[in-house]
Amino acid sequence: MYNQHMNLPPNFFNTLYNTFGEAGAVFLRTLPQRLETYAQRWELTLLPAFPNLSYNYVAPVLRRDGSEAVLKLGVPHREARSELAALAFFDGGGCVRLLESDPDGGALLLERLRPGATLRSLVDDDDVQATALLADVMEALWRPAPATHAMLTIGEWAAELATLRTTFDGGTGPFPTLLVEIAEHLFSELLASSSAPVVLHGDLHHDNVLAAPGGRWLAIDPKGVVGEREFEVYALLRNPPGWPLAQPNPARVLRRRIDQVAERLGLDRERMRLWSVAQCVLSAWWDYNDADPNAGQDDLRVADLLWREK
């Protein structure tokens, strides 16, 4: 019934069910009541949701003073709490500004960025410029991590790779054994030799950077991951989805992007490459789905290309 009245896309339901199980079902059943609760609490006029919903309900709203904002509601979980902590930490520096929040209810009220076009719109015409702008956002975001925080760490993410072997009784199932072994080794080695940690976005790609007033580009949807700077580039390398691999020479595209960001930000090029190999394998595992044998295959191809570049 709520789908009919709210006109929510079917894939939004599927994603929430598949990702969160019963908690996702509860979220969907109670969504109308949640919307009413936050509309009253924060004095908002609700507008129709954005069309590209995935893991969260996201909709434009008007505040009491007539200003625009964005209401984001999701299933409360570890990554959502990390996102909130990251938004508070960045405090509008290189990132969309947090206006209100309810951590227990999984609710965020964010500034609305205008004109709001994503950086993805630049990739086809000038990927060099798009990469340069992403590097600018990285530089604007990164600051030393606080001694205590509620954000995720690279180590916590890396530990999730162990569930792959658990799932396949110690083996690697449909995943290439060599790539899994390489990722396991790289996570161990790179974590042990990491430089001083900063607060990273954690998923900084073209669809998560929007045009803002004054010609600025700002990040949205930070994961809030604490670790060394060189880790951040992995999301750039694997995005937009399918685009790098569709180019005439994907390896050259990946190499140029790494070189460009390394030079612009003074990063260790080799560590950027190796972090990206490991994280692309982990990303493929996160996407694994019995019903879709192709899920995660692009990430594995990117990992393989990066590893072969050595």
C-alpha atoms as a PDB file:
ATOM      1  CA  MET A   1       0.000   0.000   0.000  1.00  0.00           C
ATOM      2  CA  TYR A   2       2.779   2.471   0.858  1.00  0.00           C
ATOM      3  CA  ASN A   3       4.392   1.781  -2.530  1.00  0.00           C
ATOM      4  CA  GLN A   4       1.172   2.746  -4.292  1.00  0.00           C
ATOM      5  CA  HIS A   5       0.711   5.925  -2.271  1.00  0.00           C
ATOM      6  CA  MET A   6       4.365   7.013  -2.258  1.00  0.00           C
ATOM      7  CA  ASN A   7       5.294   5.781  -5.745  1.00  0.00           C
ATOM      8  CA  LEU A   8       8.525   4.115  -4.617  1.00  0.00           C
ATOM      9  CA  PRO A   9      10.574   2.206  -7.211  1.00  0.00           C
ATOM     10  CA  PRO A  10      10.458  -1.612  -6.930  1.00  0.00           C
ATOM     11  CA  ASN A  11      14.257  -1.892  -6.837  1.00  0.00           C
ATOM     12  CA  PHE A  12      14.237   0.187  -3.638  1.00  0.00           C
ATOM     13  CA  PHE A  13      12.154  -2.510  -1.945  1.00  0.00           C
ATOM     14  CA  ASN A  14      14.366  -5.291  -3.281  1.00  0.00           C
ATOM     15  CA  THR A  15      17.554  -3.590  -2.148  1.00  0.00           C
ATOM     16  CA  LEU A  16      16.276  -3.031   1.378  1.00  0.00           C
ATOM     17  CA  TYR A  17      14.944  -6.586   1.711  1.00  0.00           C
ATOM     18  CA  ASN A  18      18.136  -8.139   0.335  1.00  0.00           C
ATOM     19  CA  THR A  19      20.448  -5.947   2.399  1.00  0.00           C
ATOM     20  CA  PHE A  20      18.691  -5.637   5.748  1.00  0.00           C
ATOM     21  CA  GLY A  21      16.186  -8.503   5.828  1.00  0.00           C
ATOM     22  CA  GLU A  22      13.438  -8.050   8.424  1.00  0.00           C
ATOM     23  CA  ALA A  23      14.876  -4.673   9.506  1.00  0.00           C
ATOM     24  CA  GLY A  24      14.425  -3.475   5.926  1.00  0.00           C
ATOM     25  CA  ALA A  25      10.837  -4.727   5.875  1.00  0.00           C
ATOM     26  CA  VAL A  26      10.103  -2.916   9.147  1.00  0.00           C
ATOM     27  CA  PHE A  27      11.633   0.266   7.780  1.00  0.00           C
ATOM     28  CA  LEU A  28       9.403   0.145   4.700  1.00  0.00           C
ATOM     29  CA  ARG A  29       6.256  -0.565   6.710  1.00  0.00           C
ATOM     30  CA  THR A  30       6.909   2.340   9.055  1.00  0.00           C
ATOM     31  CA  LEU A  31       8.260   4.788   6.471  1.00  0.00           C
ATOM     32  CA  PRO A  32       5.087   6.930   6.224  1.00  0.00           C
ATOM     33  CA  GLN A  33       4.986   7.341  10.007  1.00  0.00           C
ATOM     34  CA  ARG A  34       8.692   8.164  10.120  1.00  0.00           C
ATOM     35  CA  LEU A  35       8.274  10.810   7.468  1.00  0.00           C
ATOM     36  CA  GLU A  36       5.457  12.413   9.425  1.00  0.00           C
ATOM     37  CA  THR A  37       7.511  12.301  12.629  1.00  0.00           C
ATOM     38  CA  TYR A  38      10.464  14.182  11.150  1.00  0.00           C
ATOM     39  CA  ALA A  39       8.259  16.571   9.192  1.00  0.00           C
ATOM     40  CA  GLN A  40       6.739  17.660  12.498  1.00  0.00           C
ATOM     41  CA  ARG A  41       9.946  17.559  14.551  1.00  0.00           C
ATOM     42  CA  TRP A  42      11.986  19.623  12.093  1.00  0.00           C
ATOM     43  CA  GLU A  43       9.080  21.629  10.670  1.00  0.00           C
ATOM     44  CA  LEU A  44       9.447  20.390   7.110  1.00  0.00           C
ATOM     45  CA  THR A  45       7.274  20.384   4.021  1.00  0.00           C
ATOM     46  CA  LEU A  46       7.831  17.030   2.333  1.00  0.00           C
ATOM     47  CA  LEU A  47       8.300  16.801  -1.448  1.00  0.00           C
ATOM     48  CA  PRO A  48       8.381  13.648  -3.648  1.00  0.00           C
ATOM     49  CA  ALA A  49      11.456  11.470  -3.218  1.00  0.00           C
ATOM     50  CA  PHE A  50      14.362  11.563  -5.638  1.00  0.00           C
ATOM     51  CA  PRO A  51      13.931   8.868  -8.322  1.00  0.00           C
ATOM     52  CA  ASN A  52      17.229   7.026  -7.830  1.00  0.00           C
ATOM     53  CA  LEU A  53      16.633   5.525  -4.382  1.00  0.00           C
ATOM     54  CA  SER A  54      18.941   2.694  -3.347  1.00  0.00           C
ATOM     55  CA  TYR A  55      19.656   2.000   0.335  1.00  0.00           C
ATOM     56  CA  ASN A  56      17.933   5.084   1.797  1.00  0.00           C
ATOM     57  CA  TYR A  57      14.792   7.128   1.316  1.00  0.00           C
ATOM     58  CA  VAL A  58      16.017  10.536   0.160  1.00  0.00           C
ATOM     59  CA  ALA A  59      13.727  13.438  -0.643  1.00  0.00           C
ATOM     60  CA  PRO A  60      13.883  17.215  -1.028  1.00  0.00           C
ATOM     61  CA  VAL A  61      12.089  19.216   1.640  1.00  0.00           C
ATOM     62  CA  LEU A  62      11.353  22.835   2.506  1.00  0.00           C
ATOM     63  CA  ARG A  63      12.219  24.157   5.950  1.00  0.00           C
ATOM     64  CA  ARG A  64      10.063  26.515   7.945  1.00  0.00           C
ATOM     65  CA  ASP A  65      11.935  29.548   6.582  1.00  0.00           C
ATOM     66  CA  GLY A  66      11.417  28.364   2.984  1.00  0.00           C
ATOM     67  CA  SER A  67      14.994  27.202   2.463  1.00  0.00           C
ATOM     68  CA  GLU A  68      15.672  23.907   0.699  1.00  0.00           C
ATOM     69  CA  ALA A  69      17.101  20.822   2.360  1.00  0.00           C
ATOM     70  CA  VAL A  70      17.274  17.063   1.877  1.00  0.00           C
ATOM     71  CA  LEU A  71      15.786  14.489   4.248  1.00  0.00           C
ATOM     72  CA  LYS A  72      17.556  11.130   4.301  1.00  0.00           C
ATOM     73  CA  LEU A  73      16.023   8.172   6.165  1.00  0.00           C
ATOM     74  CA  GLY A  74      17.580   4.742   6.409  1.00  0.00           C
ATOM     75  CA  VAL A  75      17.758   1.572   8.438  1.00  0.00           C
ATOM     76  CA  PRO A  76      19.916   2.367  11.504  1.00  0.00           C
ATOM     77  CA  HIS A  77      23.151   0.363  11.240  1.00  0.00           C
ATOM     78  CA  ARG A  78      26.910   0.663  11.682  1.00  0.00           C
ATOM     79  CA  GLU A  79      27.636   2.451   8.403  1.00  0.00           C
ATOM     80  CA  ALA A  80      24.811   4.929   8.974  1.00  0.00           C
ATOM     81  CA  ARG A  81      26.287   5.882  12.351  1.00  0.00           C
ATOM     82  CA  SER A  82      29.697   6.264  10.747  1.00  0.00           C
ATOM     83  CA  GLU A  83      28.218   8.521   8.059  1.00  0.00           C
ATOM     84  CA  LEU A  84      26.681  10.749  10.704  1.00  0.00           C
ATOM     85  CA  ALA A  85      29.983  10.980  12.578  1.00  0.00           C
ATOM     86  CA  ALA A  86      31.809  11.846   9.351  1.00  0.00           C
ATOM     87  CA  LEU A  87      29.308  14.550   8.398  1.00  0.00           C
ATOM     88  CA  ALA A  88      29.699  16.107  11.830  1.00  0.00           C
ATOM     89  CA  PHE A  89      33.492  15.883  11.543  1.00  0.00           C
ATOM     90  CA  PHE A  90      33.692  17.420   8.057  1.00  0.00           C
ATOM     91  CA  ASP A  91      31.213  20.151   9.108  1.00  0.00           C
ATOM     92  CA  GLY A  92      30.716  21.339   5.532  1.00  0.00           C
ATOM     93  CA  GLY A  93      34.425  21.308   4.642  1.00  0.00           C
ATOM     94  CA  GLY A  94      34.501  19.616   1.226  1.00  0.00           C
ATOM     95  CA  CYS A  95      31.208  17.901   2.035  1.00  0.00           C
ATOM     96  CA  VAL A  96      27.494  18.583   2.220  1.00  0.00           C
ATOM     97  CA  ARG A  97      26.535  20.199   5.527  1.00  0.00           C
ATOM     98  CA  LEU A  98      24.561  18.341   8.210  1.00  0.00           C
ATOM     99  CA  LEU A  99      21.639  20.424   9.530  1.00  0.00           C
ATOM    100  CA  GLU A 100      19.843  18.026  11.905  1.00  0.00           C
ATOM    101  CA  SER A 101      20.143  14.366  12.850  1.00  0.00           C
ATOM    102  CA  ASP A 102      18.559  11.549  14.817  1.00  0.00           C
ATOM    103  CA  PRO A 103      21.148   8.744  15.089  1.00  0.00           C
ATOM    104  CA  ASP A 104      18.763   6.243  16.689  1.00  0.00           C
ATOM    105  CA  GLY A 105      16.127   6.823  14.026  1.00  0.00           C
ATOM    106  CA  GLY A 106      18.546   6.784  11.092  1.00  0.00           C
ATOM    107  CA  ALA A 107      17.489  10.296  10.011  1.00  0.00           C
ATOM    108  CA  LEU A 108      19.609  13.091   8.551  1.00  0.00           C
ATOM    109  CA  LEU A 109      18.628  16.555   7.385  1.00  0.00           C
ATOM    110  CA  LEU A 110      21.182  17.909   4.924  1.00  0.00           C
ATOM    111  CA  GLU A 111      21.677  21.086   2.961  1.00  0.00           C
ATOM    112  CA  ARG A 112      20.503  20.805  -0.638  1.00  0.00           C
ATOM    113  CA  LEU A 113      23.270  21.423  -3.161  1.00  0.00           C
ATOM    114  CA  ARG A 114      22.483  23.482  -6.236  1.00  0.00           C
ATOM    115  CA  PRO A 115      22.767  23.154  -9.176  1.00  0.00           C
ATOM    116  CA  GLY A 116      23.378  19.566  -7.997  1.00  0.00           C
ATOM    117  CA  ALA A 117      24.735  17.934 -11.159  1.00  0.00           C
ATOM    118  CA  THR A 118      27.013  14.990 -10.403  1.00  0.00           C
ATOM    119  CA  LEU A 119      30.642  14.872 -11.430  1.00  0.00           C
ATOM    120  CA  ARG A 120      29.719  11.874 -13.561  1.00  0.00           C
ATOM    121  CA  SER A 121      28.386  14.322 -16.144  1.00  0.00           C
ATOM    122  CA  LEU A 122      31.968  15.390 -16.949  1.00  0.00           C
ATOM    123  CA  VAL A 123      33.604  11.987 -17.358  1.00  0.00           C
ATOM    124  CA  ASP A 124      32.789  11.257 -20.996  1.00  0.00           C
ATOM    125  CA  ASP A 125      33.907  14.667 -22.215  1.00  0.00           C
ATOM    126  CA  ASP A 126      36.938  15.225 -19.973  1.00  0.00           C
ATOM    127  CA  ASP A 127      37.919  12.497 -17.542  1.00  0.00           C
ATOM    128  CA  VAL A 128      41.167  14.318 -16.751  1.00  0.00           C
ATOM    129  CA  GLN A 129      39.184  17.295 -15.475  1.00  0.00           C
ATOM    130  CA  ALA A 130      36.763  15.050 -13.569  1.00  0.00           C
ATOM    131  CA  THR A 131      39.719  13.314 -11.899  1.00  0.00           C
ATOM    132  CA  ALA A 132      41.281  16.671 -11.013  1.00  0.00           C
ATOM    133  CA  LEU A 133      38.064  17.811  -9.355  1.00  0.00           C
ATOM    134  CA  LEU A 134      37.834  14.571  -7.363  1.00  0.00           C
ATOM    135  CA  ALA A 135      41.392  15.143  -6.165  1.00  0.00           C
ATOM    136  CA  ASP A 136      40.404  18.661  -5.077  1.00  0.00           C
ATOM    137  CA  VAL A 137      37.543  17.221  -3.013  1.00  0.00           C
ATOM    138  CA  MET A 138      39.880  14.683  -1.430  1.00  0.00           C
ATOM    139  CA  GLU A 139      42.220  17.464  -0.366  1.00  0.00           C
ATOM    140  CA  ALA A 140      39.341  19.493   1.072  1.00  0.00           C
ATOM    141  CA  LEU A 141      38.070  16.550   3.122  1.00  0.00           C
ATOM    142  CA  TRP A 142      41.199  15.044   4.602  1.00  0.00           C
ATOM    143  CA  ARG A 143      42.155  16.020   8.133  1.00  0.00           C
ATOM    144  CA  PRO A 144      43.872  13.990  10.864  1.00  0.00           C
ATOM    145  CA  ALA A 145      41.538  11.528  12.529  1.00  0.00           C
ATOM    146  CA  PRO A 146      40.577  12.234  16.144  1.00  0.00           C
ATOM    147  CA  ALA A 147      41.959   9.937  18.825  1.00  0.00           C
ATOM    148  CA  THR A 148      38.484   8.588  19.568  1.00  0.00           C
ATOM    149  CA  HIS A 149      35.639   8.433  17.087  1.00  0.00           C
ATOM    150  CA  ALA A 150      32.553   6.481  16.014  1.00  0.00           C
ATOM    151  CA  MET A 151      33.639   6.019  12.415  1.00  0.00           C
ATOM    152  CA  LEU A 152      34.606   2.901  10.516  1.00  0.00           C
ATOM    153  CA  THR A 153      38.230   1.963   9.908  1.00  0.00           C
ATOM    154  CA  ILE A 154      39.926   0.316   6.956  1.00  0.00           C
ATOM    155  CA  GLY A 155      40.798  -2.537   9.280  1.00  0.00           C
ATOM    156  CA  GLU A 156      37.130  -3.186  10.069  1.00  0.00           C
ATOM    157  CA  TRP A 157      36.335  -3.324   6.372  1.00  0.00           C
ATOM    158  CA  ALA A 158      39.314  -5.571   5.645  1.00  0.00           C
ATOM    159  CA  ALA A 159      38.173  -8.045   8.297  1.00  0.00           C
ATOM    160  CA  GLU A 160      34.968  -8.612   6.304  1.00  0.00           C
ATOM    161  CA  LEU A 161      36.954 -10.384   3.583  1.00  0.00           C
ATOM    162  CA  ALA A 162      37.338 -13.332   5.959  1.00  0.00           C
ATOM    163  CA  THR A 163      33.624 -14.072   5.579  1.00  0.00           C
ATOM    164  CA  LEU A 164      34.265 -15.044   1.957  1.00  0.00           C
ATOM    165  CA  ARG A 165      36.219 -18.155   2.977  1.00  0.00           C
ATOM    166  CA  THR A 166      33.756 -18.879   5.758  1.00  0.00           C
ATOM    167  CA  THR A 167      30.952 -18.871   3.212  1.00  0.00           C
ATOM    168  CA  PHE A 168      32.780 -21.282   0.919  1.00  0.00           C
ATOM    169  CA  ASP A 169      34.086 -23.684   3.610  1.00  0.00           C
ATOM    170  CA  GLY A 170      37.625 -22.321   3.459  1.00  0.00           C
ATOM    171  CA  GLY A 171      37.710 -22.015  -0.316  1.00  0.00           C
ATOM    172  CA  THR A 172      36.971 -19.052  -2.568  1.00  0.00           C
ATOM    173  CA  GLY A 173      33.905 -20.338  -4.451  1.00  0.00           C
ATOM    174  CA  PRO A 174      33.465 -18.505  -7.760  1.00  0.00           C
ATOM    175  CA  PHE A 175      36.137 -15.945  -6.855  1.00  0.00           C
ATOM    176  CA  PRO A 176      39.615 -16.354  -8.400  1.00  0.00           C
ATOM    177  CA  THR A 177      41.746 -17.905  -5.676  1.00  0.00           C
ATOM    178  CA  LEU A 178      44.837 -15.911  -6.633  1.00  0.00           C
ATOM    179  CA  LEU A 179      43.051 -12.567  -6.374  1.00  0.00           C
ATOM    180  CA  VAL A 180      41.550 -13.475  -3.001  1.00  0.00           C
ATOM    181  CA  GLU A 181      44.964 -14.534  -1.683  1.00  0.00           C
ATOM    182  CA  ILE A 182      46.514 -11.326  -3.015  1.00  0.00           C
ATOM    183  CA  ALA A 183      43.829  -9.205  -1.335  1.00  0.00           C
ATOM    184  CA  GLU A 184      44.246 -11.020   1.982  1.00  0.00           C
ATOM    185  CA  HIS A 185      47.996 -10.472   1.883  1.00  0.00           C
ATOM    186  CA  LEU A 186      47.759  -6.835   0.806  1.00  0.00           C
ATOM    187  CA  PHE A 187      45.294  -5.870   3.523  1.00  0.00           C
ATOM    188  CA  SER A 188      47.584  -7.385   6.136  1.00  0.00           C
ATOM    189  CA  GLU A 189      50.743  -5.739   4.798  1.00  0.00           C
ATOM    190  CA  LEU A 190      49.251  -2.320   4.079  1.00  0.00           C
ATOM    191  CA  LEU A 191      47.439  -2.033   7.400  1.00  0.00           C
ATOM    192  CA  ALA A 192      50.643  -2.884   9.240  1.00  0.00           C
ATOM    193  CA  SER A 193      52.624  -0.198   7.414  1.00  0.00           C
ATOM    194  CA  SER A 194      50.042   2.580   7.171  1.00  0.00           C
ATOM    195  CA  SER A 195      50.890   6.224   7.708  1.00  0.00           C
ATOM    196  CA  ALA A 196      49.047   8.533  10.110  1.00  0.00           C
ATOM    197  CA  PRO A 197      45.280   8.108   9.648  1.00  0.00           C
ATOM    198  CA  VAL A 198      42.927  10.759   8.334  1.00  0.00           C
ATOM    199  CA  VAL A 199      39.161  10.776   7.994  1.00  0.00           C
ATOM    200  CA  LEU A 200      38.387   9.545   4.492  1.00  0.00           C
ATOM    201  CA  HIS A 201      35.140   9.730   2.576  1.00  0.00           C
ATOM    202  CA  GLY A 202      35.414   5.987   1.887  1.00  0.00           C
ATOM    203  CA  ASP A 203      33.335   5.925  -1.293  1.00  0.00           C
ATOM    204  CA  LEU A 204      34.454   9.007  -3.188  1.00  0.00           C
ATOM    205  CA  HIS A 205      33.333   8.536  -6.762  1.00  0.00           C
ATOM    206  CA  HIS A 206      31.670  10.629  -9.457  1.00  0.00           C
ATOM    207  CA  ASP A 207      28.055  10.130  -8.321  1.00  0.00           C
ATOM    208  CA  ASN A 208      28.981  11.182  -4.787  1.00  0.00           C
ATOM    209  CA  VAL A 209      30.304  14.616  -5.788  1.00  0.00           C
ATOM    210  CA  LEU A 210      27.797  17.342  -6.666  1.00  0.00           C
ATOM    211  CA  ALA A 211      28.022  20.836  -8.104  1.00  0.00           C
ATOM    212  CA  ALA A 212      27.444  23.453  -5.400  1.00  0.00           C
ATOM    213  CA  PRO A 213      27.056  27.249  -5.414  1.00  0.00           C
ATOM    214  CA  GLY A 214      30.067  29.310  -6.398  1.00  0.00           C
ATOM    215  CA  GLY A 215      31.471  26.715  -8.775  1.00  0.00           C
ATOM    216  CA  ARG A 216      32.390  24.382  -5.909  1.00  0.00           C
ATOM    217  CA  TRP A 217      32.105  20.597  -5.916  1.00  0.00           C
ATOM    218  CA  LEU A 218      31.129  18.913  -2.643  1.00  0.00           C
ATOM    219  CA  ALA A 219      30.930  15.298  -1.534  1.00  0.00           C
ATOM    220  CA  ILE A 220      27.765  13.556  -0.385  1.00  0.00           C
ATOM    221  CA  ASP A 221      27.130  10.177   1.290  1.00  0.00           C
ATOM    222  CA  PRO A 222      30.460   9.784   3.124  1.00  0.00           C
ATOM    223  CA  LYS A 223      31.088   6.371   4.631  1.00  0.00           C
ATOM    224  CA  GLY A 224      33.431   7.946   7.156  1.00  0.00           C
ATOM    225  CA  VAL A 225      36.421   5.591   7.076  1.00  0.00           C
ATOM    226  CA  VAL A 226      39.593   6.219   9.060  1.00  0.00           C
ATOM    227  CA  GLY A 227      42.877   5.239   7.424  1.00  0.00           C
ATOM    228  CA  GLU A 228      45.710   6.467   5.255  1.00  0.00           C
ATOM    229  CA  ARG A 229      45.141   8.786   2.303  1.00  0.00           C
ATOM    230  CA  GLU A 230      46.240   6.369  -0.383  1.00  0.00           C
ATOM    231  CA  PHE A 231      43.207   4.160   0.253  1.00  0.00           C
ATOM    232  CA  GLU A 232      40.722   6.778  -0.965  1.00  0.00           C
ATOM    233  CA  VAL A 233      41.466   6.405  -4.694  1.00  0.00           C
ATOM    234  CA  TYR A 234      39.951   2.924  -5.091  1.00  0.00           C
ATOM    235  CA  ALA A 235      36.414   4.247  -5.622  1.00  0.00           C
ATOM    236  CA  LEU A 236      37.574   6.621  -8.344  1.00  0.00           C
ATOM    237  CA  LEU A 237      39.277   3.777 -10.211  1.00  0.00           C
ATOM    238  CA  ARG A 238      36.201   1.540 -10.367  1.00  0.00           C
ATOM    239  CA  ASN A 239      33.726   4.269 -11.336  1.00  0.00           C
ATOM    240  CA  PRO A 240      31.490   5.293 -13.005  1.00  0.00           C
ATOM    241  CA  PRO A 241      30.189   1.702 -13.064  1.00  0.00           C
ATOM    242  CA  GLY A 242      31.390  -0.029 -16.197  1.00  0.00           C
ATOM    243  CA  TRP A 243      33.008   3.093 -17.649  1.00  0.00           C
ATOM    244  CA  PRO A 244      36.735   2.362 -17.121  1.00  0.00           C
ATOM    245  CA  LEU A 245      36.399  -1.166 -18.524  1.00  0.00           C
ATOM    246  CA  ALA A 246      34.484   0.094 -21.565  1.00  0.00           C
ATOM    247  CA  GLN A 247      37.383   2.275 -22.686  1.00  0.00           C
ATOM    248  CA  PRO A 248      39.669   1.132 -25.542  1.00  0.00           C
ATOM    249  CA  ASN A 249      42.570   0.683 -23.093  1.00  0.00           C
ATOM    250  CA  PRO A 250      41.228   0.279 -19.524  1.00  0.00           C
ATOM    251  CA  ALA A 251      44.668  -0.316 -18.018  1.00  0.00           C
ATOM    252  CA  ARG A 252      45.902   2.990 -19.391  1.00  0.00           C
ATOM    253  CA  VAL A 253      42.877   4.820 -17.940  1.00  0.00           C
ATOM    254  CA  LEU A 254      43.509   3.317 -14.497  1.00  0.00           C
ATOM    255  CA  ARG A 255      47.213   4.115 -14.686  1.00  0.00           C
ATOM    256  CA  ARG A 256      46.596   7.715 -15.742  1.00  0.00           C
ATOM    257  CA  ARG A 257      44.085   8.290 -12.950  1.00  0.00           C
ATOM    258  CA  ILE A 258      46.503   6.939 -10.333  1.00  0.00           C
ATOM    259  CA  ASP A 259      49.387   9.021 -11.714  1.00  0.00           C
ATOM    260  CA  GLN A 260      47.264  12.159 -11.826  1.00  0.00           C
ATOM    261  CA  VAL A 261      46.005  11.915  -8.250  1.00  0.00           C
ATOM    262  CA  ALA A 262      49.392  10.841  -6.901  1.00  0.00           C
ATOM    263  CA  GLU A 263      51.085  13.844  -8.479  1.00  0.00           C
ATOM    264  CA  ARG A 264      48.373  16.313  -7.498  1.00  0.00           C
ATOM    265  CA  LEU A 265      48.246  15.237  -3.832  1.00  0.00           C
ATOM    266  CA  GLY A 266      51.775  13.945  -3.250  1.00  0.00           C
ATOM    267  CA  LEU A 267      50.675  10.376  -2.569  1.00  0.00           C
ATOM    268  CA  ASP A 268      52.532   7.066  -2.773  1.00  0.00           C
ATOM    269  CA  ARG A 269      51.507   5.734  -6.166  1.00  0.00           C
ATOM    270  CA  GLU A 270      52.329   2.099  -5.381  1.00  0.00           C
ATOM    271  CA  ARG A 271      50.296   2.065  -2.183  1.00  0.00           C
ATOM    272  CA  MET A 272      47.372   3.595  -4.071  1.00  0.00           C
ATOM    273  CA  ARG A 273      47.536   0.759  -6.596  1.00  0.00           C
ATOM    274  CA  LEU A 274      47.828  -1.987  -3.989  1.00  0.00           C
ATOM    275  CA  TRP A 275      45.065  -0.650  -1.732  1.00  0.00           C
ATOM    276  CA  SER A 276      42.828  -0.514  -4.797  1.00  0.00           C
ATOM    277  CA  VAL A 277      43.557  -4.127  -5.731  1.00  0.00           C
ATOM    278  CA  ALA A 278      42.593  -5.321  -2.259  1.00  0.00           C
ATOM    279  CA  GLN A 279      39.524  -3.123  -1.879  1.00  0.00           C
ATOM    280  CA  CYS A 280      38.167  -3.972  -5.345  1.00  0.00           C
ATOM    281  CA  VAL A 281      38.253  -7.663  -4.390  1.00  0.00           C
ATOM    282  CA  LEU A 282      36.415  -6.846  -1.156  1.00  0.00           C
ATOM    283  CA  SER A 283      33.888  -4.733  -3.071  1.00  0.00           C
ATOM    284  CA  ALA A 284      33.254  -7.677  -5.401  1.00  0.00           C
ATOM    285  CA  TRP A 285      32.600  -9.859  -2.354  1.00  0.00           C
ATOM    286  CA  TRP A 286      30.176  -7.290  -0.939  1.00  0.00           C
ATOM    287  CA  ASP A 287      28.273  -7.423  -4.251  1.00  0.00           C
ATOM    288  CA  TYR A 288      28.193 -11.226  -4.384  1.00  0.00           C
ATOM    289  CA  ASN A 289      24.726 -12.561  -5.027  1.00  0.00           C
ATOM    290  CA  ASP A 290      23.722 -16.169  -5.692  1.00  0.00           C
ATOM    291  CA  ALA A 291      21.020 -14.983  -8.068  1.00  0.00           C
ATOM    292  CA  ASP A 292      23.385 -12.845 -10.157  1.00  0.00           C
ATOM    293  CA  PRO A 293      26.619 -14.554 -11.211  1.00  0.00           C
ATOM    294  CA  ASN A 294      27.874 -11.312 -12.792  1.00  0.00           C
ATOM    295  CA  ALA A 295      27.635  -9.256  -9.602  1.00  0.00           C
ATOM    296  CA  GLY A 296      31.074  -7.969  -8.671  1.00  0.00           C
ATOM    297  CA  GLN A 297      32.767  -9.127 -11.870  1.00  0.00           C
ATOM    298  CA  ASP A 298      33.711  -5.609 -12.955  1.00  0.00           C
ATOM    299  CA  ASP A 299      35.473  -5.037  -9.631  1.00  0.00           C
ATOM    300  CA  LEU A 300      37.423  -8.259 -10.070  1.00  0.00           C
ATOM    301  CA  ARG A 301      38.468  -7.190 -13.558  1.00  0.00           C
ATOM    302  CA  VAL A 302      39.669  -3.828 -12.239  1.00  0.00           C
ATOM    303  CA  ALA A 303      41.586  -5.598  -9.454  1.00  0.00           C
ATOM    304  CA  ASP A 304      43.191  -7.925 -11.991  1.00  0.00           C
ATOM    305  CA  LEU A 305      44.228  -5.065 -14.288  1.00  0.00           C
ATOM    306  CA  LEU A 306      45.740  -3.137 -11.392  1.00  0.00           C
ATOM    307  CA  TRP A 307      47.612  -6.179 -10.105  1.00  0.00           C
ATOM    308  CA  ARG A 308      49.035  -7.005 -13.532  1.00  0.00           C
ATOM    309  CA  GLU A 309      50.417  -3.506 -13.823  1.00  0.00           C
ATOM    310  CA  LYS A 310      53.202  -4.249 -11.322  1.00  0.00           C
END
